[in-house]
Protein backbone atom coordinates (compact mmCIF):
# COMPACT_ATOMS: atom_id res chain seq x y z
CA MET A 1 -45.30 -17.00 56.23
CA ALA A 2 -48.23 -14.65 55.87
CA ILE A 3 -47.23 -12.63 58.92
CA LEU A 4 -44.16 -11.41 57.04
CA ASP A 5 -45.78 -10.76 53.66
CA PHE A 6 -46.16 -7.04 54.32
CA LEU A 7 -42.39 -6.66 54.21
CA SER A 8 -42.00 -7.93 50.66
CA LYS A 9 -43.56 -5.02 48.76
CA PRO A 10 -41.11 -2.20 49.59
CA PHE A 11 -38.09 -4.42 49.04
CA GLU A 12 -38.95 -5.70 45.57
CA PRO A 13 -36.10 -4.74 43.26
CA GLY A 14 -37.10 -2.91 40.13
CA GLU A 15 -36.41 0.20 38.17
CA ASP A 16 -36.29 3.16 40.51
CA ASP A 17 -36.70 6.81 39.73
CA PRO A 18 -33.19 8.32 39.37
CA GLU A 19 -34.22 11.15 41.70
CA PHE A 20 -35.21 8.60 44.38
CA LEU A 21 -31.88 6.81 43.97
CA ASP A 22 -30.00 10.11 44.34
CA TRP A 23 -32.08 11.02 47.44
CA TYR A 24 -31.53 7.56 48.94
CA SER A 25 -27.79 7.63 48.18
CA ASN A 26 -27.46 10.88 50.14
CA ILE A 27 -29.51 9.46 53.03
CA ALA A 28 -27.46 6.25 53.08
CA GLU A 29 -24.17 8.15 53.12
CA LYS A 30 -25.22 10.55 55.89
CA ALA A 31 -26.86 7.86 58.03
CA ASN A 32 -24.11 5.28 57.34
CA ILE A 33 -26.52 2.56 56.16
CA SER A 34 -26.55 0.11 53.27
CA SER A 35 -26.31 1.70 49.84
CA ASP A 36 -29.00 -0.73 48.66
CA PRO A 37 -32.52 0.69 49.12
CA ASN A 38 -33.84 -2.88 48.76
CA ASP A 39 -31.82 -4.29 51.67
CA PRO A 40 -34.37 -6.26 53.74
CA ARG A 41 -32.57 -5.33 56.96
CA HIS A 42 -33.68 -1.71 56.68
CA TYR A 43 -37.17 -2.24 58.18
CA TYR A 44 -38.08 1.11 56.68
CA ASP A 45 -40.06 2.25 53.65
CA TYR A 46 -37.63 4.68 52.05
CA ARG A 47 -39.77 5.07 48.94
CA ALA A 48 -42.74 6.31 50.98
CA ALA A 49 -40.45 8.65 52.94
CA TYR A 50 -39.07 10.02 49.67
CA GLU A 51 -42.54 10.50 48.20
CA SER A 52 -43.60 12.44 51.31
CA GLY A 53 -40.62 14.79 51.01
CA ALA A 54 -39.07 13.59 54.28
CA GLY A 55 -35.47 14.31 55.19
CA LEU A 56 -33.07 13.45 57.99
CA ASP A 57 -33.46 15.25 61.31
CA GLU A 58 -30.57 16.40 63.52
CA ARG A 59 -30.15 12.81 64.80
CA LYS A 60 -29.91 11.50 61.21
CA HIS A 61 -33.33 9.84 61.53
CA LEU A 62 -36.27 9.88 59.17
CA PRO A 63 -39.87 10.08 60.44
CA SER A 64 -41.02 7.02 62.42
CA GLU A 65 -44.28 6.78 60.48
CA PHE A 66 -42.40 4.98 57.69
CA LYS A 67 -41.00 2.24 59.94
CA HIS A 68 -42.06 -1.29 59.11
CA ASP A 69 -43.97 -3.15 61.77
CA LEU A 70 -40.85 -5.16 62.68
CA HIS A 71 -38.49 -2.17 62.99
CA PRO A 72 -36.21 -2.77 66.02
CA ASN A 73 -36.94 0.68 67.46
CA ARG A 74 -40.67 0.66 66.86
CA TYR A 75 -41.37 0.14 70.56
CA ILE A 76 -39.43 2.07 73.16
CA ILE A 77 -39.62 1.90 76.94
CA ASP A 78 -39.73 5.12 78.91
CA LYS A 79 -37.09 4.77 81.61
CA LYS A 80 -38.97 7.10 83.96
CA ASP A 81 -42.27 5.25 84.25
CA LEU A 82 -41.52 2.04 82.26
CA SER A 83 -44.38 2.75 79.86
CA ILE A 84 -44.08 1.40 76.31
CA HIS A 85 -44.51 3.69 73.33
CA ASP A 86 -45.19 2.71 69.69
CA THR A 87 -43.04 5.15 67.71
CA LYS A 88 -44.58 4.22 64.36
CA TYR A 89 -48.07 5.30 65.40
CA ASP A 90 -47.01 7.71 68.17
CA ALA A 91 -49.23 5.90 70.65
CA PRO A 92 -49.03 3.92 73.89
CA ALA A 93 -48.39 0.19 73.48
CA LYS A 94 -48.63 -2.96 75.56
CA PHE A 95 -45.80 -5.21 76.66
CA GLU A 96 -47.42 -8.05 74.71
CA ASP A 97 -47.12 -6.02 71.47
CA MET A 98 -43.41 -5.57 72.01
CA ILE A 99 -42.81 -9.26 72.78
CA LEU A 100 -44.86 -10.45 69.78
CA GLN A 101 -42.95 -8.11 67.49
CA ALA A 102 -39.61 -9.42 68.79
CA PHE A 103 -40.58 -13.01 67.94
CA GLN A 104 -41.87 -12.01 64.50
CA ARG A 105 -38.67 -10.06 63.78
CA LYS A 106 -36.55 -13.05 64.83
CA GLU A 107 -38.48 -15.27 62.42
CA TYR A 108 -38.09 -12.73 59.62
CA GLU A 109 -34.36 -12.29 60.23
CA GLU A 110 -33.80 -16.03 60.22
CA SER A 111 -35.51 -16.18 56.81
CA ILE A 112 -33.17 -13.44 55.51
CA TRP A 113 -30.03 -15.26 56.63
CA LYS A 114 -31.24 -18.50 55.03
CA ASN A 115 -31.43 -16.66 51.69
CA ASP A 116 -27.91 -15.13 51.93
C-alpha cells in the first residue's frame, strides 16, 4: 500500500525525548486525545509540531501545517460559497482532492482496525 507509506514514519514507536513526552502529555490532556503519541488515528505529526515550538490555540488546535494528508479536517467546505479549502497548505482545493482523500483515509482506517 504505497499510498499510505507516508503515514508510517511519524508513528514508529521508539525512544522519545522526555521533553517531547511531557509536551505531548500536556497537549493530550488539554485536547482530550489519546495519551499515545504513536496512535495511528491522530493523523498529525506531533513531533514536528513540538520541534517547531507549536502550542494549542484558543480552540485547542495545533497548526494545520502538521496535519497528515489523510487528516479528516484537511479539507473544509466554505458554507457561504461552497468553495473547498486545503487547511494543511492554506490553499484552494478541488472537489476531486477531497473525494480521493476520503477513499484513501477509509483504506488506511480499515488497515488499522485489521491490526487491532
